[in-house]
Amino acid sequence: MYAMILAAGRGERMRPLTDTLPKPLLPVLGKPLIVYHLQKLAAAGYVDVVINQAWLGHELSAALGDGAKWHININYIDEGNQALETAGGIHNALPLLPDDYFLVVNGDIHTDFDFKLLPTSLPTGVLAHLVMVDNPAHNVSGDFALTTLQPNSKQPSSILNSDGVNKLTFAGIGLYHRDLFSTLLPGAAPLGPLLRQAMAAKQITGQHHAGQWTDVGTPERLIKLEQELSSL
């Protein structure tokens, strides 16, 4: 199974911490954020992991190597100085993700979500399956609504839409079908418009994770995360 970790962001809000270190390498209780992902991916049976890199990308490959330490294979794809955004970065990495389905996880989150809980494939016509979490203080309005359908419905049991009520926050974890990115041209592209277009066609499913999740987007959130984990 293939997975991709998004690690090419500049991390502007984390400065000055990210002036000398890419955000996924920032330590949490002495361990880089991205290493938590690598360990969990290995435990879930993922063997091949693609990491995109840009800002200080050489630091990632120097710190993580080829992945043998975690019994996985890491391939790096360098985006150079051009910010490709999320969808553009995934599209750029598709040659290294040969399967129809692959997992993508943001490199700057920390969570206790078990990647084994993701499906390994999706019903015909479904292009993505996203993990949703309760809304944090910095995103109180949420992103997408998760709607549970009738058990006897021929459609997937839970679909996501962008216009529903009681919206949840996208966790930055998802299983994607490569066809979601088939209309993109090489270059920068955000993920949101692709997801909303597919949601309008009822092509996105999802699940709710009620456990620990943190978007480590600011130094304050990093400090709070370490305090929370230290108290466990």
C-alpha atoms as a PDB file:
ATOM      1  CA  MET A   1       0.000   0.000   0.000  1.00  0.00           C
ATOM      2  CA  TYR A   2       1.162   3.492  -0.830  1.00  0.00           C
ATOM      3  CA  ALA A   3       0.978   6.609   1.305  1.00  0.00           C
ATOM      4  CA  MET A   4       2.048  10.208   0.841  1.00  0.00           C
ATOM      5  CA  ILE A   5       3.025  12.695   3.525  1.00  0.00           C
ATOM      6  CA  LEU A   6       2.637  16.361   2.591  1.00  0.00           C
ATOM      7  CA  ALA A   7       5.773  18.108   3.826  1.00  0.00           C
ATOM      8  CA  ALA A   8       6.517  20.887   1.333  1.00  0.00           C
ATOM      9  CA  GLY A   9       4.956  23.858   3.132  1.00  0.00           C
ATOM     10  CA  ARG A  10       6.985  26.854   4.267  1.00  0.00           C
ATOM     11  CA  GLY A  11       5.378  27.014   7.712  1.00  0.00           C
ATOM     12  CA  GLU A  12       5.161  30.811   7.838  1.00  0.00           C
ATOM     13  CA  ARG A  13       3.053  30.861  11.012  1.00  0.00           C
ATOM     14  CA  MET A  14       5.622  28.701  12.794  1.00  0.00           C
ATOM     15  CA  ARG A  15       8.472  31.134  12.260  1.00  0.00           C
ATOM     16  CA  PRO A  16      11.095  31.516  13.608  1.00  0.00           C
ATOM     17  CA  LEU A  17      11.049  27.769  14.354  1.00  0.00           C
ATOM     18  CA  THR A  18      10.784  26.961  10.656  1.00  0.00           C
ATOM     19  CA  ASP A  19      13.538  29.328   9.568  1.00  0.00           C
ATOM     20  CA  THR A  20      16.051  26.514   9.990  1.00  0.00           C
ATOM     21  CA  LEU A  21      13.866  23.404  10.014  1.00  0.00           C
ATOM     22  CA  PRO A  22      10.922  22.218   7.883  1.00  0.00           C
ATOM     23  CA  LYS A  23       7.744  22.083   9.946  1.00  0.00           C
ATOM     24  CA  PRO A  24       7.312  18.261   9.827  1.00  0.00           C
ATOM     25  CA  LEU A  25      10.687  17.901  11.561  1.00  0.00           C
ATOM     26  CA  LEU A  26       9.700  20.053  14.535  1.00  0.00           C
ATOM     27  CA  PRO A  27      10.018  17.877  17.645  1.00  0.00           C
ATOM     28  CA  VAL A  28       7.124  16.901  19.881  1.00  0.00           C
ATOM     29  CA  LEU A  29       8.416  15.358  23.115  1.00  0.00           C
ATOM     30  CA  GLY A  30      11.764  14.889  21.385  1.00  0.00           C
ATOM     31  CA  LYS A  31      10.384  13.149  18.278  1.00  0.00           C
ATOM     32  CA  PRO A  32       9.804  14.893  14.920  1.00  0.00           C
ATOM     33  CA  LEU A  33       6.154  15.257  13.936  1.00  0.00           C
ATOM     34  CA  ILE A  34       6.656  13.292  10.744  1.00  0.00           C
ATOM     35  CA  VAL A  35       8.205  10.345  12.561  1.00  0.00           C
ATOM     36  CA  TYR A  36       4.930   9.767  14.420  1.00  0.00           C
ATOM     37  CA  HIS A  37       3.315   9.336  10.988  1.00  0.00           C
ATOM     38  CA  LEU A  38       6.015   7.003   9.717  1.00  0.00           C
ATOM     39  CA  GLN A  39       5.686   4.758  12.752  1.00  0.00           C
ATOM     40  CA  LYS A  40       1.899   4.633  12.470  1.00  0.00           C
ATOM     41  CA  LEU A  41       2.001   3.992   8.728  1.00  0.00           C
ATOM     42  CA  ALA A  42       4.426   1.110   9.220  1.00  0.00           C
ATOM     43  CA  ALA A  43       2.213  -0.338  11.971  1.00  0.00           C
ATOM     44  CA  ALA A  44      -0.780  -0.136   9.631  1.00  0.00           C
ATOM     45  CA  GLY A  45       0.996  -2.106   6.929  1.00  0.00           C
ATOM     46  CA  TYR A  46       2.072   0.672   4.581  1.00  0.00           C
ATOM     47  CA  VAL A  47       5.357  -0.145   2.864  1.00  0.00           C
ATOM     48  CA  ASP A  48       5.946   2.631   0.320  1.00  0.00           C
ATOM     49  CA  VAL A  49       5.788   6.264   1.441  1.00  0.00           C
ATOM     50  CA  VAL A  50       6.230   9.341  -0.743  1.00  0.00           C
ATOM     51  CA  ILE A  51       7.260  12.616   0.906  1.00  0.00           C
ATOM     52  CA  ASN A  52       7.080  15.858  -1.060  1.00  0.00           C
ATOM     53  CA  GLN A  53       9.576  18.501  -0.055  1.00  0.00           C
ATOM     54  CA  ALA A  54      10.432  22.090  -0.898  1.00  0.00           C
ATOM     55  CA  TRP A  55      11.503  24.463   1.878  1.00  0.00           C
ATOM     56  CA  LEU A  56      14.657  22.997   3.460  1.00  0.00           C
ATOM     57  CA  GLY A  57      13.737  19.693   1.866  1.00  0.00           C
ATOM     58  CA  HIS A  58      17.264  18.342   2.161  1.00  0.00           C
ATOM     59  CA  GLU A  59      16.779  18.352   5.933  1.00  0.00           C
ATOM     60  CA  LEU A  60      13.947  15.816   5.567  1.00  0.00           C
ATOM     61  CA  SER A  61      15.923  13.319   3.543  1.00  0.00           C
ATOM     62  CA  ALA A  62      18.952  13.782   5.797  1.00  0.00           C
ATOM     63  CA  ALA A  63      16.898  13.084   8.924  1.00  0.00           C
ATOM     64  CA  LEU A  64      14.719  10.248   7.624  1.00  0.00           C
ATOM     65  CA  GLY A  65      16.891   8.500   5.073  1.00  0.00           C
ATOM     66  CA  ASP A  66      15.353   5.724   3.008  1.00  0.00           C
ATOM     67  CA  GLY A  67      12.904   4.633   5.711  1.00  0.00           C
ATOM     68  CA  ALA A  68      14.670   1.377   6.573  1.00  0.00           C
ATOM     69  CA  LYS A  69      14.644   2.362  10.237  1.00  0.00           C
ATOM     70  CA  TRP A  70      10.840   1.950  10.186  1.00  0.00           C
ATOM     71  CA  HIS A  71      10.832  -0.978   7.719  1.00  0.00           C
ATOM     72  CA  ILE A  72       9.350   1.166   4.949  1.00  0.00           C
ATOM     73  CA  ASN A  73      10.606   2.614   1.668  1.00  0.00           C
ATOM     74  CA  ILE A  74      10.661   6.410   1.417  1.00  0.00           C
ATOM     75  CA  ASN A  75      10.733   8.197  -1.929  1.00  0.00           C
ATOM     76  CA  TYR A  76      11.180  11.958  -1.992  1.00  0.00           C
ATOM     77  CA  ILE A  77       9.854  14.319  -4.626  1.00  0.00           C
ATOM     78  CA  ASP A  78      11.286  17.830  -4.662  1.00  0.00           C
ATOM     79  CA  GLU A  79       8.947  20.651  -5.666  1.00  0.00           C
ATOM     80  CA  GLY A  80      11.771  23.169  -5.858  1.00  0.00           C
ATOM     81  CA  ASN A  81      10.957  26.818  -5.281  1.00  0.00           C
ATOM     82  CA  GLN A  82       7.433  26.672  -6.712  1.00  0.00           C
ATOM     83  CA  ALA A  83       4.669  26.107  -4.177  1.00  0.00           C
ATOM     84  CA  LEU A  84       2.379  23.499  -5.749  1.00  0.00           C
ATOM     85  CA  GLU A  85      -0.262  23.570  -2.964  1.00  0.00           C
ATOM     86  CA  THR A  86      -1.949  20.368  -1.849  1.00  0.00           C
ATOM     87  CA  ALA A  87      -3.630  19.078  -5.011  1.00  0.00           C
ATOM     88  CA  GLY A  88      -0.739  20.200  -7.197  1.00  0.00           C
ATOM     89  CA  GLY A  89       1.703  18.414  -4.941  1.00  0.00           C
ATOM     90  CA  ILE A  90      -0.310  15.189  -5.039  1.00  0.00           C
ATOM     91  CA  HIS A  91      -0.685  15.416  -8.814  1.00  0.00           C
ATOM     92  CA  ASN A  92       3.053  15.927  -9.142  1.00  0.00           C
ATOM     93  CA  ALA A  93       3.683  12.779  -7.081  1.00  0.00           C
ATOM     94  CA  LEU A  94       1.284  10.478  -8.970  1.00  0.00           C
ATOM     95  CA  PRO A  95       4.105   8.727 -10.890  1.00  0.00           C
ATOM     96  CA  LEU A  96       5.371   7.517  -7.504  1.00  0.00           C
ATOM     97  CA  LEU A  97       1.859   6.436  -6.427  1.00  0.00           C
ATOM     98  CA  PRO A  98       0.992   3.739  -8.978  1.00  0.00           C
ATOM     99  CA  ASP A  99      -2.031   2.219  -7.239  1.00  0.00           C
ATOM    100  CA  ASP A 100      -5.578   3.432  -7.855  1.00  0.00           C
ATOM    101  CA  TYR A 101      -5.920   4.280  -4.151  1.00  0.00           C
ATOM    102  CA  PHE A 102      -3.410   5.856  -1.807  1.00  0.00           C
ATOM    103  CA  LEU A 103      -3.414   7.512   1.603  1.00  0.00           C
ATOM    104  CA  VAL A 104      -2.399  11.156   2.017  1.00  0.00           C
ATOM    105  CA  VAL A 105      -1.678  12.757   5.393  1.00  0.00           C
ATOM    106  CA  ASN A 106      -0.576  16.266   6.271  1.00  0.00           C
ATOM    107  CA  GLY A 107       2.913  16.295   7.721  1.00  0.00           C
ATOM    108  CA  ASP A 108       2.092  19.029  10.244  1.00  0.00           C
ATOM    109  CA  ILE A 109      -0.636  17.301  12.248  1.00  0.00           C
ATOM    110  CA  HIS A 110      -0.446  15.041  15.284  1.00  0.00           C
ATOM    111  CA  THR A 111      -3.157  12.483  15.954  1.00  0.00           C
ATOM    112  CA  ASP A 112      -3.891   9.139  17.556  1.00  0.00           C
ATOM    113  CA  PHE A 113      -5.985   8.100  14.543  1.00  0.00           C
ATOM    114  CA  ASP A 114      -5.227   4.517  13.519  1.00  0.00           C
ATOM    115  CA  PHE A 115      -4.596   4.359   9.762  1.00  0.00           C
ATOM    116  CA  LYS A 116      -5.900   0.785   9.827  1.00  0.00           C
ATOM    117  CA  LEU A 117      -9.388   2.277  10.226  1.00  0.00           C
ATOM    118  CA  LEU A 118      -9.280   3.716   6.717  1.00  0.00           C
ATOM    119  CA  PRO A 119     -10.766   1.622   3.912  1.00  0.00           C
ATOM    120  CA  THR A 120      -8.299   0.197   1.416  1.00  0.00           C
ATOM    121  CA  SER A 121     -10.627   0.785  -1.524  1.00  0.00           C
ATOM    122  CA  LEU A 122     -13.824   2.696  -2.263  1.00  0.00           C
ATOM    123  CA  PRO A 123     -17.163   1.949  -3.942  1.00  0.00           C
ATOM    124  CA  THR A 124     -17.332   2.549  -7.675  1.00  0.00           C
ATOM    125  CA  GLY A 125     -17.525   6.261  -8.440  1.00  0.00           C
ATOM    126  CA  VAL A 126     -16.273   7.424  -5.028  1.00  0.00           C
ATOM    127  CA  LEU A 127     -13.092   9.461  -5.412  1.00  0.00           C
ATOM    128  CA  ALA A 128     -12.021  10.084  -1.814  1.00  0.00           C
ATOM    129  CA  HIS A 129     -12.681   9.132   1.783  1.00  0.00           C
ATOM    130  CA  LEU A 130     -11.775  11.792   4.338  1.00  0.00           C
ATOM    131  CA  VAL A 131     -11.262  11.724   8.096  1.00  0.00           C
ATOM    132  CA  MET A 132     -13.147  14.464   9.939  1.00  0.00           C
ATOM    133  CA  VAL A 133     -12.577  15.707  13.492  1.00  0.00           C
ATOM    134  CA  ASP A 134     -14.363  17.972  15.954  1.00  0.00           C
ATOM    135  CA  ASN A 135     -13.851  21.650  15.206  1.00  0.00           C
ATOM    136  CA  PRO A 136     -10.851  23.188  16.982  1.00  0.00           C
ATOM    137  CA  ALA A 137     -10.850  26.729  18.310  1.00  0.00           C
ATOM    138  CA  HIS A 138      -9.151  28.032  15.172  1.00  0.00           C
ATOM    139  CA  ASN A 139     -11.816  26.543  12.846  1.00  0.00           C
ATOM    140  CA  VAL A 140     -15.080  26.716  14.766  1.00  0.00           C
ATOM    141  CA  SER A 141     -17.251  26.786  11.624  1.00  0.00           C
ATOM    142  CA  GLY A 142     -15.818  23.522  10.314  1.00  0.00           C
ATOM    143  CA  ASP A 143     -15.223  22.487   6.703  1.00  0.00           C
ATOM    144  CA  PHE A 144     -17.634  19.792   5.549  1.00  0.00           C
ATOM    145  CA  ALA A 145     -20.760  18.064   6.835  1.00  0.00           C
ATOM    146  CA  LEU A 146     -20.886  14.302   7.320  1.00  0.00           C
ATOM    147  CA  THR A 147     -24.280  12.822   6.451  1.00  0.00           C
ATOM    148  CA  THR A 148     -25.165   9.264   7.417  1.00  0.00           C
ATOM    149  CA  LEU A 149     -27.490   7.620   4.910  1.00  0.00           C
ATOM    150  CA  GLN A 150     -30.031   4.884   5.470  1.00  0.00           C
ATOM    151  CA  PRO A 151     -28.480   1.435   6.037  1.00  0.00           C
ATOM    152  CA  ASN A 152     -30.306   0.013   3.000  1.00  0.00           C
ATOM    153  CA  SER A 153     -29.087   2.781   0.694  1.00  0.00           C
ATOM    154  CA  LYS A 154     -27.086   1.703  -2.341  1.00  0.00           C
ATOM    155  CA  GLN A 155     -24.842   4.714  -1.782  1.00  0.00           C
ATOM    156  CA  PRO A 156     -21.938   4.791   0.716  1.00  0.00           C
ATOM    157  CA  SER A 157     -23.081   4.922   4.327  1.00  0.00           C
ATOM    158  CA  SER A 158     -21.633   8.368   5.061  1.00  0.00           C
ATOM    159  CA  ILE A 159     -21.111  11.101   2.496  1.00  0.00           C
ATOM    160  CA  LEU A 160     -19.527  14.516   2.832  1.00  0.00           C
ATOM    161  CA  ASN A 161     -20.965  17.755   1.530  1.00  0.00           C
ATOM    162  CA  SER A 162     -19.851  21.347   1.713  1.00  0.00           C
ATOM    163  CA  ASP A 163     -23.259  22.914   2.379  1.00  0.00           C
ATOM    164  CA  GLY A 164     -24.664  20.864   5.250  1.00  0.00           C
ATOM    165  CA  VAL A 165     -25.133  21.809   8.887  1.00  0.00           C
ATOM    166  CA  ASN A 166     -23.030  20.681  11.846  1.00  0.00           C
ATOM    167  CA  LYS A 167     -19.836  20.805   9.830  1.00  0.00           C
ATOM    168  CA  LEU A 168     -16.697  19.073  11.046  1.00  0.00           C
ATOM    169  CA  THR A 169     -13.051  19.878  10.325  1.00  0.00           C
ATOM    170  CA  PHE A 170     -11.059  17.999   7.712  1.00  0.00           C
ATOM    171  CA  ALA A 171      -8.234  16.256   9.554  1.00  0.00           C
ATOM    172  CA  GLY A 172      -5.762  16.283   6.677  1.00  0.00           C
ATOM    173  CA  ILE A 173      -6.038  12.494   6.382  1.00  0.00           C
ATOM    174  CA  GLY A 174      -7.686  10.812   3.428  1.00  0.00           C
ATOM    175  CA  LEU A 175      -7.776   7.901   1.020  1.00  0.00           C
ATOM    176  CA  TYR A 176      -7.829   9.151  -2.571  1.00  0.00           C
ATOM    177  CA  HIS A 177      -8.500   7.651  -5.968  1.00  0.00           C
ATOM    178  CA  ARG A 178      -6.066   8.925  -8.561  1.00  0.00           C
ATOM    179  CA  ASP A 179      -8.979   9.899 -10.842  1.00  0.00           C
ATOM    180  CA  LEU A 180      -9.759  12.805  -8.504  1.00  0.00           C
ATOM    181  CA  PHE A 181      -6.682  14.536  -9.915  1.00  0.00           C
ATOM    182  CA  SER A 182      -7.135  13.525 -13.562  1.00  0.00           C
ATOM    183  CA  THR A 183      -8.319  16.973 -14.701  1.00  0.00           C
ATOM    184  CA  LEU A 184      -5.321  18.831 -13.262  1.00  0.00           C
ATOM    185  CA  LEU A 185      -2.469  20.186 -15.318  1.00  0.00           C
ATOM    186  CA  PRO A 186       1.068  20.313 -13.909  1.00  0.00           C
ATOM    187  CA  GLY A 187       1.544  23.209 -11.527  1.00  0.00           C
ATOM    188  CA  ALA A 188      -0.011  24.681  -8.426  1.00  0.00           C
ATOM    189  CA  ALA A 189      -3.565  23.699  -7.472  1.00  0.00           C
ATOM    190  CA  PRO A 190      -5.515  23.774  -4.188  1.00  0.00           C
ATOM    191  CA  LEU A 191      -7.375  20.698  -2.976  1.00  0.00           C
ATOM    192  CA  GLY A 192     -10.574  22.399  -1.784  1.00  0.00           C
ATOM    193  CA  PRO A 193     -12.181  23.063  -5.198  1.00  0.00           C
ATOM    194  CA  LEU A 194     -11.585  19.465  -6.308  1.00  0.00           C
ATOM    195  CA  LEU A 195     -13.207  18.124  -3.157  1.00  0.00           C
ATOM    196  CA  ARG A 196     -16.208  20.440  -3.377  1.00  0.00           C
ATOM    197  CA  GLN A 197     -16.805  19.535  -6.997  1.00  0.00           C
ATOM    198  CA  ALA A 198     -16.706  15.841  -6.152  1.00  0.00           C
ATOM    199  CA  MET A 199     -18.930  16.369  -3.105  1.00  0.00           C
ATOM    200  CA  ALA A 200     -21.561  17.985  -5.301  1.00  0.00           C
ATOM    201  CA  ALA A 201     -21.638  14.714  -7.256  1.00  0.00           C
ATOM    202  CA  LYS A 202     -21.753  12.655  -4.027  1.00  0.00           C
ATOM    203  CA  GLN A 203     -18.338  11.196  -4.752  1.00  0.00           C
ATOM    204  CA  ILE A 204     -16.731  11.810  -1.340  1.00  0.00           C
ATOM    205  CA  THR A 205     -17.293   9.673   1.744  1.00  0.00           C
ATOM    206  CA  GLY A 206     -15.964  10.196   5.247  1.00  0.00           C
ATOM    207  CA  GLN A 207     -15.702   9.127   8.849  1.00  0.00           C
ATOM    208  CA  HIS A 208     -15.522  10.939  12.172  1.00  0.00           C
ATOM    209  CA  HIS A 209     -12.504  10.582  14.457  1.00  0.00           C
ATOM    210  CA  ALA A 210     -13.332  11.663  18.002  1.00  0.00           C
ATOM    211  CA  GLY A 211      -9.845  11.124  19.397  1.00  0.00           C
ATOM    212  CA  GLN A 212      -6.768  13.299  19.687  1.00  0.00           C
ATOM    213  CA  TRP A 213      -5.927  15.569  16.763  1.00  0.00           C
ATOM    214  CA  THR A 214      -3.894  18.772  16.518  1.00  0.00           C
ATOM    215  CA  ASP A 215      -3.075  20.968  13.560  1.00  0.00           C
ATOM    216  CA  VAL A 216       0.371  22.132  14.666  1.00  0.00           C
ATOM    217  CA  GLY A 217       0.089  25.456  12.875  1.00  0.00           C
ATOM    218  CA  THR A 218       1.555  27.872  15.408  1.00  0.00           C
ATOM    219  CA  PRO A 219       4.225  27.770  18.132  1.00  0.00           C
ATOM    220  CA  GLU A 220       1.439  28.112  20.707  1.00  0.00           C
ATOM    221  CA  ARG A 221      -0.310  24.977  19.434  1.00  0.00           C
ATOM    222  CA  LEU A 222       2.989  23.106  19.489  1.00  0.00           C
ATOM    223  CA  ILE A 223       3.514  24.037  23.147  1.00  0.00           C
ATOM    224  CA  LYS A 224      -0.076  23.078  24.016  1.00  0.00           C
ATOM    225  CA  LEU A 225       0.296  19.713  22.257  1.00  0.00           C
ATOM    226  CA  GLU A 226       3.430  18.889  24.208  1.00  0.00           C
ATOM    227  CA  GLN A 227       1.680  19.814  27.460  1.00  0.00           C
ATOM    228  CA  GLU A 228      -1.293  17.594  26.607  1.00  0.00           C
ATOM    229  CA  LEU A 229       0.861  14.618  25.655  1.00  0.00           C
ATOM    230  CA  SER A 230       3.065  15.043  28.699  1.00  0.00           C
ATOM    231  CA  SER A 231       0.019  14.804  30.956  1.00  0.00           C
ATOM    232  CA  LEU A 232      -1.117  11.480  29.495  1.00  0.00           C
END
